[in-house]
Amino acid sequence: MVALGQFLEILIGGLMSGVLYSLVALGFVLIFKASGVFNFAQGAMVLLAGLALVRSLDLLVANGFPFWVAIVLGIGFAAVIMAITAWLIERFVIGPLVNQDGLTLFMSTIGVTFVLEGAAQMIFGSDVYPLPLFPTDAWFVFGSLFPGGILINKLDVWGAFIAGTLVVGLAIFFQHTRIGRALRAVADDHLAAQSVGIPISWIWFVVWLVAGLVALVAATVWGTKLGVQFSITFLALKALPVLIIGGLTSIPGAIAGGLIVGAGEKIAEVFLGPSIGGGIEYWFAYVLALAVLLVRPQGLFGERIIERI
């Protein structure tokens, strides 16, 4: 029998982990929402942003810069790298394929994935680099209510705060800015957007830039948690069930999907693990995603697609 305090600790830990998955899923949602392209390269973008940040940070600290100054300059350098990456992708990959079908665009992002992974490790190195930006110790809360209290990781709390701030900022950006409305118009119909004077190349550069900056934010949290290393690229696979559950076109859905996945896999590991074996965390999210697909293919918060036949 699991005590109430232990259950709450598992639940809170799962919810916090789910928010970290959502940070990666947000990049997918941004590009798909604004351009209709499923960006398989988002995990590689997280790797590139993390490597650019941690290597520049190490170099600045080694040359005597104060740590906080080095962080600001390192984040600025990584942001410039992501801006250059966004321009290159739009100029040489997405731009020439404008108005092609979704499968062609998706396959192009797979190619971008391998290019970014190889280039990032060739330029910045392929070792595991620690990135101590956020505290990783834990709080023990509600000690007066539960024996021993409930353990909450400070890094997870930081991740939840950052994700919440991103969601609010992105919602304002898409709903209340001229560029955000242009992004949604391009997503609805590329040709119609071009016909009314919306510059497709500029809009797609902006959306890839924003996705790159979101990847940088995700890299700061995941780099602190795991170290910046090649395995970060596999976060893209972990984000897929989050996207399916939340919906490919919903920014709040990315957060909700992450919470459902994070809490579900932690609870399943504790309650079902002893009965059917360990390792549930690695596949349980995909079972949840399959269940959602059977009931609501567009995801819990996704837009219902109605087509004339």
Protein backbone atom coordinates (compact mmCIF):
# COMPACT_ATOMS: atom_id res chain seq x y z
CA MET A 1 0.00 0.00 0.00
CA VAL A 2 1.39 3.38 -1.04
CA ALA A 3 0.94 6.08 1.57
CA LEU A 4 -0.75 9.34 0.60
CA GLY A 5 2.46 11.31 1.05
CA GLN A 6 4.38 8.93 -1.20
CA PHE A 7 1.64 9.07 -3.84
CA LEU A 8 1.68 12.87 -3.83
CA GLU A 9 5.46 12.85 -4.17
CA ILE A 10 5.22 10.51 -7.17
CA LEU A 11 2.43 12.58 -8.72
CA ILE A 12 4.19 15.92 -8.26
CA GLY A 13 7.47 14.49 -9.55
CA GLY A 14 5.68 13.11 -12.61
CA LEU A 15 3.93 16.40 -13.32
CA MET A 16 7.19 18.30 -13.06
CA SER A 17 8.96 15.85 -15.38
CA GLY A 18 6.09 16.20 -17.82
CA VAL A 19 6.62 19.95 -17.98
CA LEU A 20 10.20 19.31 -19.09
CA TYR A 21 8.89 17.13 -21.93
CA SER A 22 6.57 19.99 -22.85
CA LEU A 23 9.51 22.35 -23.33
CA VAL A 24 10.66 20.21 -26.26
CA ALA A 25 7.12 19.65 -27.56
CA LEU A 26 6.55 23.41 -27.75
CA GLY A 27 9.09 23.68 -30.57
CA PHE A 28 7.21 21.09 -32.62
CA VAL A 29 3.89 22.85 -32.03
CA LEU A 30 5.26 26.26 -32.99
CA ILE A 31 6.50 25.19 -36.41
CA PHE A 32 3.52 22.97 -37.20
CA LYS A 33 1.05 25.63 -36.06
CA ALA A 34 2.69 28.34 -38.15
CA SER A 35 3.80 26.46 -41.27
CA GLY A 36 2.15 23.04 -41.28
CA VAL A 37 5.59 21.36 -41.18
CA PHE A 38 6.24 18.57 -38.68
CA ASN A 39 9.78 19.43 -37.61
CA PHE A 40 11.59 16.21 -36.76
CA ALA A 41 14.78 18.27 -36.25
CA GLN A 42 13.61 19.87 -32.99
CA GLY A 43 15.68 17.47 -30.86
CA ALA A 44 18.79 18.25 -32.93
CA MET A 45 18.08 21.96 -32.47
CA VAL A 46 18.05 21.44 -28.70
CA LEU A 47 21.43 19.70 -28.98
CA LEU A 48 22.91 22.48 -31.13
CA ALA A 49 21.64 25.22 -28.82
CA GLY A 50 22.91 23.40 -25.74
CA LEU A 51 26.36 22.77 -27.19
CA ALA A 52 26.72 26.38 -28.37
CA LEU A 53 25.74 27.62 -24.91
CA VAL A 54 27.86 25.29 -22.79
CA ARG A 55 31.01 25.54 -24.92
CA SER A 56 30.87 29.34 -25.07
CA LEU A 57 30.18 29.42 -21.33
CA ASP A 58 33.22 27.24 -20.60
CA LEU A 59 35.40 29.42 -22.83
CA LEU A 60 34.26 32.67 -21.21
CA VAL A 61 34.70 31.37 -17.66
CA ALA A 62 38.18 30.03 -18.55
CA ASN A 63 39.12 33.53 -19.75
CA GLY A 64 38.19 35.15 -16.45
CA PHE A 65 34.65 36.39 -17.07
CA PRO A 66 32.36 36.38 -14.02
CA PHE A 67 29.97 33.45 -14.16
CA TRP A 68 26.76 35.49 -14.55
CA VAL A 69 28.31 37.68 -17.23
CA ALA A 70 29.44 34.52 -19.02
CA ILE A 71 25.88 33.15 -18.83
CA VAL A 72 24.41 36.27 -20.45
CA LEU A 73 27.05 36.33 -23.20
CA GLY A 74 26.77 32.56 -23.72
CA ILE A 75 22.99 32.72 -24.11
CA GLY A 76 23.42 35.61 -26.55
CA PHE A 77 25.94 33.61 -28.59
CA ALA A 78 23.68 30.54 -28.64
CA ALA A 79 20.74 32.72 -29.73
CA VAL A 80 22.82 34.06 -32.64
CA ILE A 81 23.70 30.49 -33.62
CA MET A 82 20.02 29.55 -33.62
CA ALA A 83 19.19 32.64 -35.72
CA ILE A 84 21.83 31.64 -38.29
CA THR A 85 20.47 28.08 -38.24
CA ALA A 86 16.92 29.33 -38.82
CA TRP A 87 18.05 31.43 -41.78
CA LEU A 88 20.00 28.55 -43.34
CA ILE A 89 17.06 26.16 -42.95
CA GLU A 90 14.63 28.62 -44.50
CA ARG A 91 17.02 29.65 -47.28
CA PHE A 92 18.26 26.24 -48.40
CA VAL A 93 15.69 23.70 -47.19
CA ILE A 94 12.18 24.97 -46.51
CA GLY A 95 12.20 27.93 -48.91
CA PRO A 96 12.92 25.90 -52.08
CA LEU A 97 10.20 23.42 -51.04
CA VAL A 98 7.44 25.98 -50.51
CA ASN A 99 3.99 24.66 -51.50
CA GLN A 100 5.23 21.06 -51.55
CA ASP A 101 3.19 18.42 -49.75
CA GLY A 102 3.60 17.75 -46.04
CA LEU A 103 5.47 14.47 -46.49
CA THR A 104 8.16 16.14 -48.58
CA LEU A 105 8.64 18.85 -45.99
CA PHE A 106 8.74 16.27 -43.19
CA MET A 107 11.43 14.26 -44.98
CA SER A 108 13.47 17.43 -45.41
CA THR A 109 13.46 17.99 -41.65
CA ILE A 110 14.84 14.46 -41.17
CA GLY A 111 17.75 15.47 -43.38
CA VAL A 112 18.16 18.67 -41.36
CA THR A 113 18.32 16.52 -38.21
CA PHE A 114 21.37 14.58 -39.37
CA VAL A 115 23.11 17.71 -40.66
CA LEU A 116 22.58 19.57 -37.38
CA GLU A 117 23.68 16.62 -35.25
CA GLY A 118 26.88 16.16 -37.24
CA ALA A 119 27.71 19.85 -37.54
CA ALA A 120 27.02 20.57 -33.85
CA GLN A 121 29.33 17.80 -32.65
CA MET A 122 31.99 18.57 -35.24
CA ILE A 123 32.13 22.26 -34.26
CA PHE A 124 31.50 22.13 -30.51
CA GLY A 125 32.57 18.62 -29.51
CA SER A 126 30.84 15.35 -28.72
CA ASP A 127 31.60 14.81 -25.01
CA VAL A 128 29.16 15.18 -22.12
CA TYR A 129 29.31 18.78 -20.90
CA PRO A 130 27.79 19.76 -17.53
CA LEU A 131 25.65 22.90 -17.58
CA PRO A 132 25.08 24.14 -14.01
CA LEU A 133 22.55 26.90 -14.67
CA PHE A 134 19.81 25.89 -12.22
CA PRO A 135 19.91 24.33 -8.73
CA THR A 136 19.47 20.56 -8.74
CA ASP A 137 18.98 19.89 -5.04
CA ALA A 138 15.56 19.26 -3.52
CA TRP A 139 13.06 20.76 -1.11
CA PHE A 140 11.23 18.75 1.50
CA VAL A 141 7.79 20.30 1.95
CA PHE A 142 4.70 19.48 4.06
CA GLY A 143 6.86 17.83 6.69
CA SER A 144 4.21 18.55 9.30
CA LEU A 145 1.54 16.68 7.31
CA PHE A 146 3.47 13.66 6.04
CA PRO A 147 6.32 11.76 7.70
CA GLY A 148 9.57 12.85 6.12
CA GLY A 149 7.78 15.43 3.96
CA ILE A 150 7.41 15.45 0.17
CA LEU A 151 10.51 15.76 -2.01
CA ILE A 152 10.37 18.32 -4.83
CA ASN A 153 13.33 18.87 -7.15
CA LYS A 154 14.21 22.55 -7.57
CA LEU A 155 15.16 22.02 -11.22
CA ASP A 156 11.68 20.70 -11.95
CA VAL A 157 10.15 23.79 -10.34
CA TRP A 158 12.35 26.03 -12.50
CA GLY A 159 11.30 24.06 -15.56
CA ALA A 160 7.62 24.47 -14.68
CA PHE A 161 8.04 28.22 -14.20
CA ILE A 162 9.91 28.61 -17.50
CA ALA A 163 7.36 26.52 -19.42
CA GLY A 164 4.46 28.51 -17.98
CA THR A 165 6.13 31.78 -18.92
CA LEU A 166 6.78 30.51 -22.45
CA VAL A 167 3.17 29.44 -22.93
CA VAL A 168 1.85 32.85 -21.86
CA GLY A 169 4.38 34.67 -24.04
CA LEU A 170 3.72 32.51 -27.10
CA ALA A 171 -0.05 32.78 -26.70
CA ILE A 172 0.24 36.57 -26.66
CA PHE A 173 2.60 36.45 -29.64
CA PHE A 174 0.25 34.35 -31.80
CA GLN A 175 -3.00 36.04 -30.81
CA HIS A 176 -2.14 39.71 -30.36
CA THR A 177 0.76 40.55 -32.68
CA ARG A 178 0.78 41.25 -36.40
CA ILE A 179 3.51 38.67 -37.06
CA GLY A 180 1.62 36.06 -35.05
CA ARG A 181 -1.52 36.56 -37.11
CA ALA A 182 0.56 36.36 -40.30
CA LEU A 183 2.04 33.09 -39.09
CA ARG A 184 -1.43 31.62 -38.64
CA ALA A 185 -2.49 32.86 -42.07
CA VAL A 186 0.50 31.17 -43.70
CA ALA A 187 -0.32 27.94 -41.90
CA ASP A 188 -3.90 28.00 -43.21
CA ASP A 189 -2.97 28.52 -46.86
CA HIS A 190 0.48 29.37 -48.27
CA LEU A 191 -0.82 30.52 -51.65
CA ALA A 192 -3.58 32.69 -50.21
CA ALA A 193 -1.11 34.29 -47.79
CA GLN A 194 1.26 35.08 -50.67
CA SER A 195 -1.59 36.54 -52.71
CA VAL A 196 -2.33 39.15 -50.03
CA GLY A 197 1.32 40.18 -49.74
CA ILE A 198 2.53 38.17 -46.74
CA PRO A 199 6.25 37.37 -47.31
CA ILE A 200 6.45 33.59 -46.87
CA SER A 201 10.25 33.47 -46.59
CA TRP A 202 10.32 36.07 -43.80
CA ILE A 203 7.47 34.42 -41.91
CA TRP A 204 9.09 30.99 -42.05
CA PHE A 205 12.41 32.45 -40.89
CA VAL A 206 10.63 34.01 -37.90
CA VAL A 207 8.88 30.79 -36.91
CA TRP A 208 12.09 28.73 -37.17
CA LEU A 209 13.89 31.40 -35.17
CA VAL A 210 11.27 31.29 -32.42
CA ALA A 211 11.43 27.48 -32.40
CA GLY A 212 15.22 27.72 -32.16
CA LEU A 213 14.96 30.05 -29.16
CA VAL A 214 12.49 27.65 -27.53
CA ALA A 215 15.03 24.87 -28.20
CA LEU A 216 17.65 27.02 -26.42
CA VAL A 217 15.39 27.38 -23.39
CA ALA A 218 14.77 23.63 -23.37
CA ALA A 219 18.54 23.04 -23.63
CA THR A 220 19.22 25.12 -20.52
CA VAL A 221 16.90 22.94 -18.43
CA TRP A 222 17.69 19.54 -19.95
CA GLY A 223 21.41 20.37 -20.08
CA THR A 224 21.32 21.08 -16.36
CA LYS A 225 19.44 17.83 -15.75
CA LEU A 226 21.39 15.43 -17.98
CA GLY A 227 24.42 17.36 -19.19
CA VAL A 228 24.65 18.51 -22.79
CA GLN A 229 25.22 15.34 -24.82
CA PHE A 230 24.08 13.57 -27.97
CA SER A 231 21.28 11.71 -26.17
CA ILE A 232 19.39 15.01 -25.85
CA THR A 233 18.35 14.58 -29.48
CA PHE A 234 16.20 11.62 -28.42
CA LEU A 235 13.99 14.04 -26.50
CA ALA A 236 12.22 14.45 -29.84
CA LEU A 237 10.97 10.87 -29.55
CA LYS A 238 9.81 11.51 -25.99
CA ALA A 239 7.91 14.57 -27.14
CA LEU A 240 5.93 12.67 -29.79
CA PRO A 241 3.32 11.17 -27.42
CA VAL A 242 3.04 14.59 -25.74
CA LEU A 243 2.18 16.09 -29.14
CA ILE A 244 -0.31 13.36 -30.00
CA ILE A 245 -2.11 13.68 -26.68
CA GLY A 246 -2.12 17.48 -26.50
CA GLY A 247 -2.61 18.19 -30.19
CA LEU A 248 -0.15 19.35 -32.84
CA THR A 249 -1.69 22.80 -33.13
CA SER A 250 -2.18 23.71 -29.46
CA ILE A 251 0.44 25.45 -27.33
CA PRO A 252 -1.52 24.86 -24.08
CA GLY A 253 -2.06 21.30 -25.32
CA ALA A 254 1.72 20.74 -25.33
CA ILE A 255 1.79 21.56 -21.63
CA ALA A 256 -1.30 19.49 -20.83
CA GLY A 257 0.05 16.55 -22.84
CA GLY A 258 3.35 16.75 -21.01
CA LEU A 259 1.61 16.74 -17.63
CA ILE A 260 -0.49 13.71 -18.59
CA VAL A 261 2.54 11.80 -19.89
CA GLY A 262 4.79 12.70 -16.97
CA ALA A 263 2.27 11.84 -14.28
CA GLY A 264 0.98 8.76 -16.08
CA GLU A 265 4.36 7.11 -16.60
CA LYS A 266 5.53 7.74 -13.02
CA ILE A 267 2.33 6.40 -11.49
CA ALA A 268 2.31 3.41 -13.83
CA GLU A 269 5.92 2.60 -12.96
CA VAL A 270 5.11 2.52 -9.23
CA PHE A 271 1.74 0.77 -9.31
CA LEU A 272 2.06 -1.50 -12.36
CA GLY A 273 5.81 -2.07 -12.36
CA PRO A 274 5.84 -4.70 -9.60
CA SER A 275 3.17 -6.70 -11.44
CA ILE A 276 4.33 -6.60 -15.07
CA GLY A 277 8.00 -5.72 -14.76
CA GLY A 278 10.04 -2.52 -14.82
CA GLY A 279 10.77 -0.15 -17.65
CA ILE A 280 7.18 1.04 -17.99
CA GLU A 281 8.35 4.64 -18.23
CA TYR A 282 9.91 3.91 -21.63
CA TRP A 283 6.71 2.80 -23.37
CA PHE A 284 3.71 3.84 -21.29
CA ALA A 285 3.50 7.29 -22.94
CA TYR A 286 3.04 5.65 -26.34
CA VAL A 287 0.18 3.52 -25.00
CA LEU A 288 -1.51 6.68 -23.75
CA ALA A 289 -0.96 8.33 -27.14
CA LEU A 290 -2.48 5.34 -28.95
CA ALA A 291 -5.53 5.46 -26.69
CA VAL A 292 -6.03 9.15 -27.45
CA LEU A 293 -5.63 8.53 -31.20
CA LEU A 294 -8.41 5.96 -31.11
CA VAL A 295 -10.80 8.38 -29.40
CA ARG A 296 -9.72 11.82 -30.65
CA PRO A 297 -7.17 11.69 -33.51
CA GLN A 298 -6.47 15.45 -33.43
CA GLY A 299 -5.48 15.32 -29.75
CA LEU A 300 -7.28 16.58 -26.68
CA PHE A 301 -6.71 20.25 -27.52
CA GLY A 302 -6.04 20.04 -31.25
CA GLU A 303 -8.20 21.74 -33.85
CA ARG A 304 -10.79 19.51 -35.47
CA ILE A 305 -10.01 19.32 -39.19
CA ILE A 306 -13.05 19.45 -41.45
CA GLU A 307 -12.45 18.77 -45.14
CA ARG A 308 -14.87 18.88 -48.06
CA ILE A 309 -15.00 15.54 -49.90
